[in-house]
Amino acid sequence: MREISFPEEFLRQILGHYDRNAEFLERAVGVKLSSRGESLHMDGADQGIEACGWAMTQLLAVFRAGIKVDAADLRTALSLKEEGFKGELVDFYRDSKIQCAPGRSVFPKGLNQGRYIRSMRENDVVFGIGPAGTGKTYLAVAMAIAALRDKQVKRLILTRPAVEAGEKLGFLPGDMAEKVNPYLRPLLDALFDLLEGDRVYKYLESGIIEIAPIAFMRGRTLNDSFIILDEAQNTTVDQMKMFLTRLGFNSKAVITGDVTQIDIDPARRSGLVDAAVILKDIEGIAFHFFTERDVVRHPLVQKIIRAYDGSA
């Protein structure tokens, strides 16, 4: 058992009112946490207590820098320590911050996400490859919104294959918008989470933000744009080549996908798998790989991914 004093408001942000996040954090960090006033009580193995004390002290500096912190940030700090992070957490947050809108900032949840953000800033074409829940699409959308906000680009184009799990658009009910909406929903969810709803609708209506199946990219040249291709593992080789050759002047492209979740006909090679082989040595194109360790969803999701990988 160890007790450390922290500002009460800081502890409330991490543990929640009446320590309602304590059980979640205990499962995530392996240390039992509770607070009373300005006192944080930590109970568990010495190594876990030492790591948790370091993480809380680092987060206090982040809090004092005016950056809002919560339970997820404690997991982030501990993850960084496990990965060998040696710097100051507040500097890591400042350097990796994505400012999407006034009062709406996004921060990485680990070293790998921080490197991914840096790759997107430094390269015109970036591939983010890894399992669901690693933040690869969400961070790409955040970067796109920030680029639009800072007038680095004039529009955002979000696309993905509209054929998954053997289903073709022609067999789905409704008009084209209704047909593609289920496939594009994850991109819309990210937009609405990062921007005010009214602004999203305004941008969609004016064409500043365009969401469409990848087939709609054919024959176009996309200038002054930030383009995201999601679920790229379900593109064919021809579709991937077509998409990449749409890139125009002053444009960036981020391609995300999970090569363990390919739904196209097994007889056809995935465009994402193919691109990772033939484009890996081209300057200006960066490949960034995530693993189950980078999953930032419920702690059980990492274990589920490892279990499925082990049964393959």
Protein backbone atom coordinates (compact mmCIF):
# COMPACT_ATOMS: atom_id res chain seq x y z
CA MET A 1 0.00 0.00 0.00
CA ARG A 2 1.24 3.47 -0.85
CA GLU A 3 -0.35 6.89 -0.46
CA ILE A 4 0.48 10.00 -2.52
CA SER A 5 -1.11 13.44 -2.44
CA PHE A 6 -2.55 14.99 -5.61
CA PRO A 7 -4.99 17.87 -6.25
CA GLU A 8 -8.52 16.67 -5.63
CA GLU A 9 -9.81 17.86 -9.02
CA PHE A 10 -7.02 15.94 -10.76
CA LEU A 11 -7.91 12.73 -8.91
CA ARG A 12 -11.56 13.24 -9.78
CA GLN A 13 -10.70 13.48 -13.49
CA ILE A 14 -8.74 10.21 -13.36
CA LEU A 15 -10.86 8.15 -10.95
CA GLY A 16 -14.23 9.78 -11.60
CA HIS A 17 -16.75 10.96 -9.04
CA TYR A 18 -16.89 8.55 -6.10
CA ASP A 19 -14.04 6.57 -7.72
CA ARG A 20 -16.42 5.11 -10.30
CA ASN A 21 -13.51 4.38 -12.67
CA ALA A 22 -11.53 2.51 -10.01
CA GLU A 23 -12.69 -1.00 -10.96
CA PHE A 24 -12.01 -0.40 -14.65
CA LEU A 25 -8.55 0.96 -13.85
CA GLU A 26 -7.75 -1.94 -11.54
CA ARG A 27 -8.35 -4.37 -14.42
CA ALA A 28 -6.36 -2.21 -16.80
CA VAL A 29 -3.35 -1.30 -14.63
CA GLY A 30 -3.27 -4.15 -12.12
CA VAL A 31 -3.29 -1.86 -9.06
CA LYS A 32 -6.24 -1.16 -6.79
CA LEU A 33 -6.84 2.60 -6.61
CA SER A 34 -8.98 4.68 -4.27
CA SER A 35 -8.99 8.28 -3.15
CA ARG A 36 -10.06 10.41 -0.23
CA GLY A 37 -9.73 14.13 -0.58
CA GLU A 38 -6.24 14.77 -1.93
CA SER A 39 -4.91 11.30 -1.05
CA LEU A 40 -4.49 8.54 -3.62
CA HIS A 41 -4.23 5.03 -2.18
CA MET A 42 -2.51 2.37 -4.32
CA ASP A 43 -2.55 -1.30 -3.35
CA GLY A 44 -0.83 -4.10 -5.26
CA ALA A 45 2.60 -5.39 -6.26
CA ASP A 46 5.50 -2.99 -5.65
CA GLN A 47 6.36 -2.84 -9.36
CA GLY A 48 2.77 -1.96 -10.27
CA ILE A 49 2.56 0.69 -7.56
CA GLU A 50 5.84 2.25 -8.69
CA ALA A 51 4.65 2.38 -12.32
CA CYS A 52 1.27 3.79 -11.33
CA GLY A 53 2.88 6.46 -9.13
CA TRP A 54 5.15 7.49 -12.03
CA ALA A 55 2.19 7.65 -14.42
CA MET A 56 0.08 9.74 -12.06
CA THR A 57 2.96 12.17 -11.45
CA GLN A 58 3.50 12.53 -15.21
CA LEU A 59 -0.23 13.07 -15.75
CA LEU A 60 -0.29 15.76 -13.09
CA ALA A 61 2.12 17.81 -15.22
CA VAL A 62 -0.22 17.28 -18.21
CA PHE A 63 -3.18 18.40 -16.08
CA ARG A 64 -1.32 21.50 -14.89
CA ALA A 65 -0.52 22.35 -18.53
CA GLY A 66 -4.26 22.78 -19.09
CA ILE A 67 -4.80 19.47 -20.91
CA LYS A 68 -7.83 17.50 -19.76
CA VAL A 69 -7.00 13.99 -18.57
CA ASP A 70 -9.13 10.98 -17.67
CA ALA A 71 -8.92 7.27 -16.88
CA ALA A 72 -7.82 6.40 -20.42
CA ASP A 73 -4.78 8.67 -20.03
CA LEU A 74 -3.58 6.61 -17.08
CA ARG A 75 -3.62 3.54 -19.30
CA THR A 76 -1.78 5.55 -21.96
CA ALA A 77 0.93 6.64 -19.52
CA LEU A 78 1.47 3.08 -18.27
CA SER A 79 1.55 1.79 -21.84
CA LEU A 80 4.24 4.36 -22.69
CA LYS A 81 6.31 3.29 -19.68
CA GLU A 82 6.05 -0.36 -20.75
CA GLU A 83 7.25 0.63 -24.22
CA GLY A 84 10.36 2.26 -22.77
CA PHE A 85 9.27 5.91 -22.93
CA LYS A 86 11.95 8.07 -21.23
CA GLY A 87 10.75 11.64 -21.82
CA GLU A 88 8.19 13.85 -20.17
CA LEU A 89 4.57 12.94 -20.85
CA VAL A 90 3.51 16.57 -21.14
CA ASP A 91 6.00 17.09 -23.99
CA PHE A 92 4.75 13.95 -25.73
CA TYR A 93 1.18 15.27 -25.53
CA ARG A 94 2.12 18.71 -26.80
CA ASP A 95 4.21 17.41 -29.70
CA SER A 96 1.56 14.89 -30.82
CA LYS A 97 -1.54 17.02 -30.30
CA ILE A 98 -4.06 17.22 -33.15
CA GLN A 99 -6.23 20.34 -32.85
CA CYS A 100 -9.47 19.55 -34.69
CA ALA A 101 -11.62 22.45 -33.50
CA PRO A 102 -11.65 25.00 -30.66
CA GLY A 103 -11.73 22.96 -27.47
CA ARG A 104 -11.46 19.66 -29.36
CA SER A 105 -8.01 18.08 -29.34
CA VAL A 106 -6.90 14.51 -29.99
CA PHE A 107 -3.84 12.93 -28.39
CA PRO A 108 -2.11 9.61 -29.10
CA LYS A 109 -2.71 6.68 -26.77
CA GLY A 110 0.79 5.24 -27.07
CA LEU A 111 4.18 5.61 -28.72
CA ASN A 112 3.03 3.85 -31.88
CA GLN A 113 0.11 6.25 -32.33
CA GLY A 114 2.52 9.14 -31.76
CA ARG A 115 4.78 7.80 -34.52
CA TYR A 116 1.76 7.40 -36.80
CA ILE A 117 0.81 11.04 -36.29
CA ARG A 118 4.38 12.10 -37.08
CA SER A 119 4.34 9.94 -40.23
CA MET A 120 1.15 11.64 -41.43
CA ARG A 121 2.70 15.05 -40.86
CA GLU A 122 5.93 14.21 -42.69
CA ASN A 123 4.72 12.12 -45.66
CA ASP A 124 2.22 12.63 -48.46
CA VAL A 125 1.12 8.98 -48.54
CA VAL A 126 0.82 6.94 -45.34
CA PHE A 127 -0.43 3.38 -44.86
CA GLY A 128 -1.79 2.51 -41.42
CA ILE A 129 -2.07 -1.28 -41.15
CA GLY A 130 -3.29 -3.22 -38.13
CA PRO A 131 -6.27 -4.58 -36.21
CA ALA A 132 -9.47 -2.75 -35.38
CA GLY A 133 -9.40 -0.48 -32.35
CA THR A 134 -5.85 0.81 -32.85
CA GLY A 135 -7.01 4.30 -33.81
CA LYS A 136 -5.60 4.21 -37.35
CA THR A 137 -8.78 5.53 -39.04
CA TYR A 138 -9.82 7.85 -36.21
CA LEU A 139 -6.42 9.57 -36.09
CA ALA A 140 -6.40 9.90 -39.89
CA VAL A 141 -9.79 11.64 -39.79
CA ALA A 142 -8.54 13.90 -36.97
CA MET A 143 -5.48 14.84 -39.04
CA ALA A 144 -7.68 15.54 -42.06
CA ILE A 145 -9.97 17.82 -40.06
CA ALA A 146 -6.96 19.68 -38.62
CA ALA A 147 -5.52 20.14 -42.12
CA LEU A 148 -8.85 21.57 -43.29
CA ARG A 149 -9.09 23.82 -40.23
CA ASP A 150 -5.57 25.16 -40.84
CA LYS A 151 -6.36 25.73 -44.56
CA GLN A 152 -3.64 23.29 -45.63
CA VAL A 153 -6.25 21.60 -47.86
CA LYS A 154 -9.59 22.69 -49.31
CA ARG A 155 -11.55 19.47 -48.92
CA LEU A 156 -11.64 16.04 -47.32
CA ILE A 157 -12.42 12.92 -49.30
CA LEU A 158 -13.28 9.79 -47.35
CA THR A 159 -13.68 6.56 -49.26
CA ARG A 160 -13.73 2.82 -48.82
CA PRO A 161 -14.65 -0.29 -50.83
CA ALA A 162 -18.40 -0.85 -50.94
CA VAL A 163 -18.18 -4.61 -51.40
CA GLU A 164 -17.61 -6.64 -48.26
CA ALA A 165 -18.32 -10.17 -47.10
CA GLY A 166 -19.54 -11.14 -50.57
CA GLU A 167 -22.27 -8.49 -50.78
CA LYS A 168 -22.57 -6.27 -53.84
CA LEU A 169 -24.30 -2.90 -53.94
CA GLY A 170 -26.79 -3.99 -56.58
CA PHE A 171 -28.30 -6.55 -54.24
CA LEU A 172 -28.84 -4.08 -51.40
CA PRO A 173 -32.15 -2.17 -51.08
CA GLY A 174 -32.52 1.59 -51.54
CA ASP A 175 -30.91 4.31 -53.63
CA MET A 176 -27.12 4.79 -53.88
CA ALA A 177 -26.89 6.87 -50.69
CA GLU A 178 -28.79 4.22 -48.74
CA LYS A 179 -26.71 1.43 -50.28
CA VAL A 180 -23.31 2.87 -49.33
CA ASN A 181 -24.24 4.38 -45.94
CA PRO A 182 -23.64 1.16 -43.92
CA TYR A 183 -20.14 0.84 -45.42
CA LEU A 184 -19.23 4.47 -44.77
CA ARG A 185 -20.80 4.72 -41.31
CA PRO A 186 -17.49 4.37 -39.39
CA LEU A 187 -16.08 7.39 -41.22
CA LEU A 188 -19.22 9.40 -40.45
CA ASP A 189 -19.02 8.37 -36.79
CA ALA A 190 -15.47 9.73 -36.59
CA LEU A 191 -16.52 13.01 -38.23
CA PHE A 192 -19.41 13.55 -35.84
CA ASP A 193 -17.18 12.76 -32.87
CA LEU A 194 -14.54 15.29 -33.93
CA LEU A 195 -16.73 18.11 -35.31
CA GLU A 196 -20.03 19.71 -34.35
CA GLY A 197 -22.94 18.00 -36.11
CA ASP A 198 -24.10 21.18 -37.85
CA ARG A 199 -20.64 21.76 -39.28
CA VAL A 200 -20.43 18.18 -40.58
CA TYR A 201 -23.75 18.56 -42.42
CA LYS A 202 -22.68 21.95 -43.79
CA TYR A 203 -19.40 20.54 -45.10
CA LEU A 204 -21.14 17.52 -46.63
CA GLU A 205 -23.76 19.69 -48.37
CA SER A 206 -21.13 22.09 -49.76
CA GLY A 207 -18.80 19.32 -50.93
CA ILE A 208 -15.97 20.35 -48.60
CA ILE A 209 -16.29 16.85 -47.17
CA GLU A 210 -17.07 14.08 -49.65
CA ILE A 211 -17.81 10.48 -48.67
CA ALA A 212 -18.09 7.95 -51.48
CA PRO A 213 -17.26 4.38 -52.52
CA ILE A 214 -13.83 3.93 -54.09
CA ALA A 215 -15.40 3.31 -57.53
CA PHE A 216 -16.35 7.02 -57.56
CA MET A 217 -12.63 7.97 -57.55
CA ARG A 218 -11.97 6.65 -61.07
CA GLY A 219 -10.97 9.29 -63.63
CA ARG A 220 -10.50 12.08 -61.10
CA THR A 221 -7.45 14.16 -60.11
CA LEU A 222 -7.67 15.20 -56.49
CA ASN A 223 -5.84 18.48 -55.79
CA ASP A 224 -5.70 20.36 -52.46
CA SER A 225 -7.30 17.38 -50.73
CA PHE A 226 -6.79 15.14 -47.74
CA ILE A 227 -7.96 11.70 -48.88
CA ILE A 228 -8.56 8.70 -46.61
CA LEU A 229 -9.09 5.20 -47.96
CA ASP A 230 -10.51 3.02 -45.18
CA GLU A 231 -10.85 -0.79 -45.15
CA ALA A 232 -8.20 -0.89 -47.86
CA GLN A 233 -7.63 -4.63 -47.39
CA ASN A 234 -10.83 -5.09 -49.43
CA THR A 235 -9.52 -3.27 -52.49
CA THR A 236 -8.24 -5.19 -55.49
CA VAL A 237 -4.78 -4.48 -56.88
CA ASP A 238 -6.34 -2.47 -59.73
CA GLN A 239 -8.48 -0.43 -57.32
CA MET A 240 -5.48 0.40 -55.13
CA LYS A 241 -3.43 1.50 -58.15
CA MET A 242 -6.36 3.58 -59.42
CA PHE A 243 -6.79 5.24 -56.01
CA LEU A 244 -3.11 6.07 -55.50
CA THR A 245 -2.80 7.60 -58.96
CA ARG A 246 -5.64 10.06 -58.20
CA LEU A 247 -3.34 12.06 -55.92
CA GLY A 248 -2.93 15.62 -57.17
CA PHE A 249 -0.94 18.68 -56.16
CA ASN A 250 -0.92 19.70 -52.49
CA SER A 251 -2.74 16.52 -51.45
CA LYS A 252 -2.21 13.84 -48.84
CA ALA A 253 -3.54 10.29 -48.74
CA VAL A 254 -3.86 7.97 -45.75
CA ILE A 255 -4.74 4.34 -46.43
CA THR A 256 -5.91 2.19 -43.53
CA GLY A 257 -6.75 -1.47 -43.27
CA ASP A 258 -6.42 -4.80 -41.48
CA VAL A 259 -4.82 -7.55 -43.57
CA THR A 260 -6.32 -10.21 -41.27
CA GLN A 261 -9.87 -9.15 -42.24
CA ILE A 262 -9.89 -9.52 -46.04
CA ASP A 263 -13.42 -10.11 -47.41
CA ILE A 264 -12.82 -10.08 -51.16
CA ASP A 265 -12.68 -13.25 -53.23
CA PRO A 266 -9.61 -15.26 -52.06
CA ALA A 267 -8.66 -15.71 -55.71
CA ARG A 268 -8.01 -11.96 -55.96
CA ARG A 269 -4.96 -10.42 -54.27
CA SER A 270 -5.67 -7.65 -51.80
CA GLY A 271 -4.55 -4.23 -53.02
CA LEU A 272 -3.30 -3.42 -49.52
CA VAL A 273 -1.16 -6.55 -49.30
CA ASP A 274 0.22 -5.86 -52.77
CA ALA A 275 1.00 -2.19 -52.00
CA ALA A 276 2.90 -3.11 -48.84
CA VAL A 277 5.29 -5.14 -50.98
CA ILE A 278 5.80 -3.03 -54.09
CA LEU A 279 5.73 0.48 -52.55
CA LYS A 280 7.73 -0.07 -49.36
CA ASP A 281 10.95 1.54 -50.65
CA ILE A 282 9.47 4.67 -52.26
CA GLU A 283 10.51 7.91 -50.57
CA GLY A 284 7.51 9.94 -49.40
CA ILE A 285 5.40 6.83 -48.77
CA ALA A 286 5.37 5.57 -45.18
CA PHE A 287 4.06 2.27 -43.84
CA HIS A 288 2.99 2.18 -40.21
CA PHE A 289 2.09 -1.14 -38.57
CA PHE A 290 -0.05 -1.64 -35.47
CA THR A 291 -0.47 -4.76 -33.32
CA GLU A 292 -2.95 -5.88 -30.67
CA ARG A 293 -0.80 -4.00 -28.11
CA ASP A 294 -1.98 -0.75 -29.71
CA VAL A 295 -5.70 -1.51 -29.27
CA VAL A 296 -7.32 1.28 -27.25
CA ARG A 297 -10.76 -0.22 -26.77
CA HIS A 298 -11.92 -2.35 -23.83
CA PRO A 299 -8.94 -4.23 -22.26
CA LEU A 300 -10.53 -7.54 -23.28
CA VAL A 301 -10.23 -6.65 -26.98
CA GLN A 302 -6.45 -7.19 -26.91
CA LYS A 303 -6.98 -10.64 -25.40
CA ILE A 304 -9.65 -11.49 -27.99
CA ILE A 305 -7.34 -10.54 -30.87
CA ARG A 306 -4.48 -12.58 -29.41
CA ALA A 307 -6.80 -15.58 -28.92
CA TYR A 308 -7.96 -15.49 -32.55
CA ASP A 309 -4.40 -15.02 -33.82
CA GLY A 310 -3.27 -18.01 -31.77
CA SER A 311 -6.04 -20.23 -33.14
CA ALA A 312 -5.20 -19.46 -36.77
